[in-house]
Amino acid sequence: MRTVNISELRAQLSAHIQLVREGEEVLVCDRNKPVARIVPCSLADHS
């Protein structure tokens, strides 16, 4: 799992979304405190 602060996520959103597409989870932090997690969705999530 990759950890990223909000400011870096904003600056490099496309790169982080690509990591998620490849199966990696991204933990989003605000001032180094976890606030969210971006995870890949499965095809079953779309039904």
PDB file of N, CA and C in Angstrom:
ATOM      1  N   MET A   1       0.848  -1.178   0.000  1.00  0.00           N
ATOM      2  CA  MET A   1       0.000   0.000   0.000  1.00  0.00           C
ATOM      3  C   MET A   1       0.889   1.236   0.000  1.00  0.00           C
ATOM      4  N   ARG A   2       0.571   2.152  -0.879  1.00  0.00           N
ATOM      5  CA  ARG A   2       1.303   3.408  -0.980  1.00  0.00           C
ATOM      6  C   ARG A   2       0.612   4.455  -0.106  1.00  0.00           C
ATOM      7  N   THR A   3       1.382   5.309   0.540  1.00  0.00           N
ATOM      8  CA  THR A   3       0.843   6.391   1.358  1.00  0.00           C
ATOM      9  C   THR A   3       1.173   7.722   0.690  1.00  0.00           C
ATOM     10  N   VAL A   4       0.174   8.612   0.642  1.00  0.00           N
ATOM     11  CA  VAL A   4       0.366   9.897  -0.028  1.00  0.00           C
ATOM     12  C   VAL A   4      -0.391  10.986   0.728  1.00  0.00           C
ATOM     13  N   ASN A   5       0.219  12.156   0.853  1.00  0.00           N
ATOM     14  CA  ASN A   5      -0.480  13.294   1.442  1.00  0.00           C
ATOM     15  C   ASN A   5      -1.352  13.959   0.383  1.00  0.00           C
ATOM     16  N   ILE A   6      -2.388  14.647   0.812  1.00  0.00           N
ATOM     17  CA  ILE A   6      -3.364  15.238  -0.093  1.00  0.00           C
ATOM     18  C   ILE A   6      -2.699  16.149  -1.128  1.00  0.00           C
ATOM     19  N   SER A   7      -1.752  16.956  -0.714  1.00  0.00           N
ATOM     20  CA  SER A   7      -1.111  17.885  -1.658  1.00  0.00           C
ATOM     21  C   SER A   7      -0.402  17.127  -2.779  1.00  0.00           C
ATOM     22  N   GLU A   8       0.271  16.037  -2.451  1.00  0.00           N
ATOM     23  CA  GLU A   8       0.938  15.239  -3.479  1.00  0.00           C
ATOM     24  C   GLU A   8      -0.093  14.528  -4.359  1.00  0.00           C
ATOM     25  N   LEU A   9      -1.175  14.056  -3.747  1.00  0.00           N
ATOM     26  CA  LEU A   9      -2.223  13.397  -4.526  1.00  0.00           C
ATOM     27  C   LEU A   9      -2.808  14.359  -5.557  1.00  0.00           C
ATOM     28  N   ARG A  10      -3.075  15.589  -5.144  1.00  0.00           N
ATOM     29  CA  ARG A  10      -3.596  16.599  -6.075  1.00  0.00           C
ATOM     30  C   ARG A  10      -2.633  16.837  -7.230  1.00  0.00           C
ATOM     31  N   ALA A  11      -1.362  16.937  -6.912  1.00  0.00           N
ATOM     32  CA  ALA A  11      -0.357  17.254  -7.927  1.00  0.00           C
ATOM     33  C   ALA A  11      -0.138  16.098  -8.903  1.00  0.00           C
ATOM     34  N   GLN A  12      -0.362  14.864  -8.452  1.00  0.00           N
ATOM     35  CA  GLN A  12      -0.058  13.699  -9.288  1.00  0.00           C
ATOM     36  C   GLN A  12      -1.216  12.705  -9.299  1.00  0.00           C
ATOM     37  N   LEU A  13      -2.428  13.201  -9.413  1.00  0.00           N
ATOM     38  CA  LEU A  13      -3.604  12.332  -9.344  1.00  0.00           C
ATOM     39  C   LEU A  13      -3.576  11.246 -10.411  1.00  0.00           C
ATOM     40  N   SER A  14      -3.277  11.584 -11.634  1.00  0.00           N
ATOM     41  CA  SER A  14      -3.278  10.589 -12.717  1.00  0.00           C
ATOM     42  C   SER A  14      -2.318   9.443 -12.429  1.00  0.00           C
ATOM     43  N   ALA A  15      -1.152   9.756 -11.914  1.00  0.00           N
ATOM     44  CA  ALA A  15      -0.168   8.718 -11.609  1.00  0.00           C
ATOM     45  C   ALA A  15      -0.668   7.797 -10.504  1.00  0.00           C
ATOM     46  N   HIS A  16      -1.320   8.363  -9.500  1.00  0.00           N
ATOM     47  CA  HIS A  16      -1.835   7.535  -8.406  1.00  0.00           C
ATOM     48  C   HIS A  16      -3.020   6.688  -8.860  1.00  0.00           C
ATOM     49  N   ILE A  17      -3.872   7.241  -9.704  1.00  0.00           N
ATOM     50  CA  ILE A  17      -4.987   6.462 -10.244  1.00  0.00           C
ATOM     51  C   ILE A  17      -4.453   5.300 -11.078  1.00  0.00           C
ATOM     52  N   GLN A  18      -3.377   5.516 -11.805  1.00  0.00           N
ATOM     53  CA  GLN A  18      -2.776   4.429 -12.582  1.00  0.00           C
ATOM     54  C   GLN A  18      -2.292   3.307 -11.666  1.00  0.00           C
ATOM     55  N   LEU A  19      -1.706   3.663 -10.534  1.00  0.00           N
ATOM     56  CA  LEU A  19      -1.279   2.640  -9.565  1.00  0.00           C
ATOM     57  C   LEU A  19      -2.470   1.829  -9.079  1.00  0.00           C
ATOM     58  N   VAL A  20      -3.580   2.500  -8.819  1.00  0.00           N
ATOM     59  CA  VAL A  20      -4.788   1.807  -8.367  1.00  0.00           C
ATOM     60  C   VAL A  20      -5.300   0.887  -9.470  1.00  0.00           C
ATOM     61  N   ARG A  21      -5.281   1.347 -10.698  1.00  0.00           N
ATOM     62  CA  ARG A  21      -5.694   0.496 -11.828  1.00  0.00           C
ATOM     63  C   ARG A  21      -4.852  -0.764 -11.900  1.00  0.00           C
ATOM     64  N   GLU A  22      -3.590  -0.662 -11.501  1.00  0.00           N
ATOM     65  CA  GLU A  22      -2.677  -1.804 -11.531  1.00  0.00           C
ATOM     66  C   GLU A  22      -2.831  -2.693 -10.299  1.00  0.00           C
ATOM     67  N   GLY A  23      -3.753  -2.333  -9.391  1.00  0.00           N
ATOM     68  CA  GLY A  23      -4.044  -3.188  -8.242  1.00  0.00           C
ATOM     69  C   GLY A  23      -3.526  -2.708  -6.900  1.00  0.00           C
ATOM     70  N   GLU A  24      -2.815  -1.601  -6.873  1.00  0.00           N
ATOM     71  CA  GLU A  24      -2.261  -1.100  -5.611  1.00  0.00           C
ATOM     72  C   GLU A  24      -3.280  -0.238  -4.870  1.00  0.00           C
ATOM     73  N   GLU A  25      -3.256  -0.291  -3.556  1.00  0.00           N
ATOM     74  CA  GLU A  25      -4.099   0.585  -2.737  1.00  0.00           C
ATOM     75  C   GLU A  25      -3.299   1.827  -2.380  1.00  0.00           C
ATOM     76  N   VAL A  26      -3.998   2.963  -2.264  1.00  0.00           N
ATOM     77  CA  VAL A  26      -3.351   4.224  -1.904  1.00  0.00           C
ATOM     78  C   VAL A  26      -4.022   4.761  -0.642  1.00  0.00           C
ATOM     79  N   LEU A  27      -3.239   4.963   0.394  1.00  0.00           N
ATOM     80  CA  LEU A  27      -3.723   5.537   1.640  1.00  0.00           C
ATOM     81  C   LEU A  27      -3.514   7.041   1.573  1.00  0.00           C
ATOM     82  N   VAL A  28      -4.596   7.816   1.708  1.00  0.00           N
ATOM     83  CA  VAL A  28      -4.541   9.268   1.606  1.00  0.00           C
ATOM     84  C   VAL A  28      -4.477   9.852   3.014  1.00  0.00           C
ATOM     85  N   CYS A  29      -3.495  10.722   3.229  1.00  0.00           N
ATOM     86  CA  CYS A  29      -3.300  11.326   4.547  1.00  0.00           C
ATOM     87  C   CYS A  29      -3.437  12.843   4.474  1.00  0.00           C
ATOM     88  N   ASP A  30      -3.887  13.418   5.580  1.00  0.00           N
ATOM     89  CA  ASP A  30      -3.927  14.865   5.744  1.00  0.00           C
ATOM     90  C   ASP A  30      -3.000  15.190   6.898  1.00  0.00           C
ATOM     91  N   ARG A  31      -1.891  15.825   6.582  1.00  0.00           N
ATOM     92  CA  ARG A  31      -0.850  16.099   7.577  1.00  0.00           C
ATOM     93  C   ARG A  31      -0.409  14.821   8.281  1.00  0.00           C
ATOM     94  N   ASN A  32      -0.185  13.790   7.467  1.00  0.00           N
ATOM     95  CA  ASN A  32       0.306  12.480   7.912  1.00  0.00           C
ATOM     96  C   ASN A  32      -0.687  11.695   8.760  1.00  0.00           C
ATOM     97  N   LYS A  33      -1.970  12.098   8.794  1.00  0.00           N
ATOM     98  CA  LYS A  33      -3.012  11.329   9.470  1.00  0.00           C
ATOM     99  C   LYS A  33      -3.906  10.705   8.409  1.00  0.00           C
ATOM    100  N   PRO A  34      -4.067   9.397   8.414  1.00  0.00           N
ATOM    101  CA  PRO A  34      -4.895   8.740   7.402  1.00  0.00           C
ATOM    102  C   PRO A  34      -6.334   9.251   7.420  1.00  0.00           C
ATOM    103  N   VAL A  35      -6.863   9.542   6.220  1.00  0.00           N
ATOM    104  CA  VAL A  35      -8.241  10.026   6.113  1.00  0.00           C
ATOM    105  C   VAL A  35      -9.062   9.235   5.096  1.00  0.00           C
ATOM    106  N   ALA A  36      -8.396   8.549   4.160  1.00  0.00           N
ATOM    107  CA  ALA A  36      -9.131   7.804   3.138  1.00  0.00           C
ATOM    108  C   ALA A  36      -8.206   6.766   2.521  1.00  0.00           C
ATOM    109  N   ARG A  37      -8.858   5.847   1.809  1.00  0.00           N
ATOM    110  CA  ARG A  37      -8.102   4.823   1.098  1.00  0.00           C
ATOM    111  C   ARG A  37      -8.717   4.673  -0.285  1.00  0.00           C
ATOM    112  N   ILE A  38      -7.890   4.668  -1.312  1.00  0.00           N
ATOM    113  CA  ILE A  38      -8.355   4.451  -2.678  1.00  0.00           C
ATOM    114  C   ILE A  38      -7.982   3.025  -3.036  1.00  0.00           C
ATOM    115  N   VAL A  39      -8.993   2.244  -3.385  1.00  0.00           N
ATOM    116  CA  VAL A  39      -8.767   0.825  -3.694  1.00  0.00           C
ATOM    117  C   VAL A  39      -9.328   0.507  -5.066  1.00  0.00           C
ATOM    118  N   PRO A  40      -8.765  -0.475  -5.731  1.00  0.00           N
ATOM    119  CA  PRO A  40      -9.318  -0.869  -7.036  1.00  0.00           C
ATOM    120  C   PRO A  40     -10.727  -1.425  -6.861  1.00  0.00           C
ATOM    121  N   CYS A  41     -11.587  -1.153  -7.811  1.00  0.00           N
ATOM    122  CA  CYS A  41     -12.916  -1.739  -7.746  1.00  0.00           C
ATOM    123  C   CYS A  41     -12.956  -2.945  -8.676  1.00  0.00           C
ATOM    124  N   SER A  42     -13.803  -3.891  -8.339  1.00  0.00           N
ATOM    125  CA  SER A  42     -13.932  -5.078  -9.172  1.00  0.00           C
ATOM    126  C   SER A  42     -15.130  -4.909 -10.097  1.00  0.00           C
ATOM    127  N   LEU A  43     -15.221  -5.736 -11.101  1.00  0.00           N
ATOM    128  CA  LEU A  43     -16.361  -5.667 -12.013  1.00  0.00           C
ATOM    129  C   LEU A  43     -17.653  -5.938 -11.276  1.00  0.00           C
ATOM    130  N   ALA A  44     -17.623  -6.725 -10.215  1.00  0.00           N
ATOM    131  CA  ALA A  44     -18.826  -7.022  -9.433  1.00  0.00           C
ATOM    132  C   ALA A  44     -19.353  -5.757  -8.740  1.00  0.00           C
ATOM    133  N   ASP A  45     -18.482  -4.765  -8.502  1.00  0.00           N
ATOM    134  CA  ASP A  45     -18.912  -3.528  -7.866  1.00  0.00           C
ATOM    135  C   ASP A  45     -19.823  -2.700  -8.769  1.00  0.00           C
ATOM    136  N   HIS A  46     -19.843  -2.985 -10.053  1.00  0.00           N
ATOM    137  CA  HIS A  46     -20.595  -2.200 -11.026  1.00  0.00           C
ATOM    138  C   HIS A  46     -21.968  -2.754 -11.345  1.00  0.00           C
ATOM    139  N   SER A  47     -22.378  -3.822 -10.678  1.00  0.00           N
ATOM    140  CA  SER A  47     -23.684  -4.419 -11.019  1.00  0.00           C
ATOM    141  C   SER A  47     -24.797  -3.883 -10.163  1.00  0.00           C
TER     142      SER A  47
END
